[in-house]
């Protein structure tokens, strides 16, 4: 399908180059396809800077704005406006597709980082939202390949962050470069050869433990959602607890969208504070942390006097009644880094002698902890 679309695009370019200018309806007649199809093709090619479109007609671009000859340097549009050429400028007309599970706050910042990075370098980002459905990942990727994107930035809706064999096969057969975004390819898996940019959630989980341990907390708990990030947060939590020689309860699963789940998690933490000497908890994510904090206060516990809390995400943690100490993954920087990896891949930068492909890169960015009012030394 994608090769058919590309062939039609080349035919469109050939006709417009030969005739200089013509109406879209005339172009449709010459190609023997619908006007709707031609308008879609012309829009795509115009966005790539390969054609000029105006009021139902299409023309070959003037030399000053036409496509850059192979091997020639090109100044991105953003650089022309600002007078500054960003590092790693995109080849003229570069279009990247990005597929994310959702556009909630966390993902919106990833997308914003990617969009800012590719726009500043003279390219364009096309977004697809999978709504946490793996079949929609497949559909969105297919649409983008059909549209002729140059590369894909992918944050797949993998269950618990682990791809199935079928999902691995799909990503290995894309036919265009791909960068995993905020996903960790399983150790020993076949996707390790893909470039990736992600927050190091293992270090993020560990940072929360080290902060609490530094305040003197010796017994703590972890309350976490069941999503692709949580296994890494748990891994960091458990590794840091072991490294510090601390006592920790088994992590508790909680669904922030279910009030009954929040109630149950808060009750478990309340009993752990009273019966097991727990003085602190790490809660993933902000929404969960705010809900748990409210319920703990209803049970008569004071934060941080009776129990310290650290949220993991830091999107709205500062807005809680007691502003929450929180770990913030560098979401926007991850999106920016994903674009930089993709442009290096498309440009062939970093390859070895003899035209060898550049080695794959896995870039992990370290989350940052911000201390607020919800964490303090234990009272006892």
Foldseek 3Di string as FASTA:
>chain_A
DQVVLVVVLVVLLVVQVVVFKDFLVVSCVVVVHDSVSSVLSQVLCVLLQAWDDDDRMIGGDDPVRHADPPPDDDAAPLCVVVVDADPLAFHRSAEEEEEDQDCPPLVVLLVVLQQVQNNNRRYGYHYDHQVLDQVSVVVSLVVVSSSPHQEYEYAGSDFLLADDPVVVVCVVPSPHAYEYFQGDYDVVDPCPQHAYFHAQLLLLLLVVVVVQVVQPFQEEEEEEERGNSVVSSVNNVVVNNVVVVGHYDDHHYADLVDLVRLLVVLVVVLCCLVPVVGQEYEYEAQSSVLSSVVNNVVVPDDFNASHFYEHEAPPCQCVHPFRHWYWHGPSSVSSSVRNSQSSCQVVQPQADPPSHGHGHHYHYDYIDIDDGRRHHRYPD
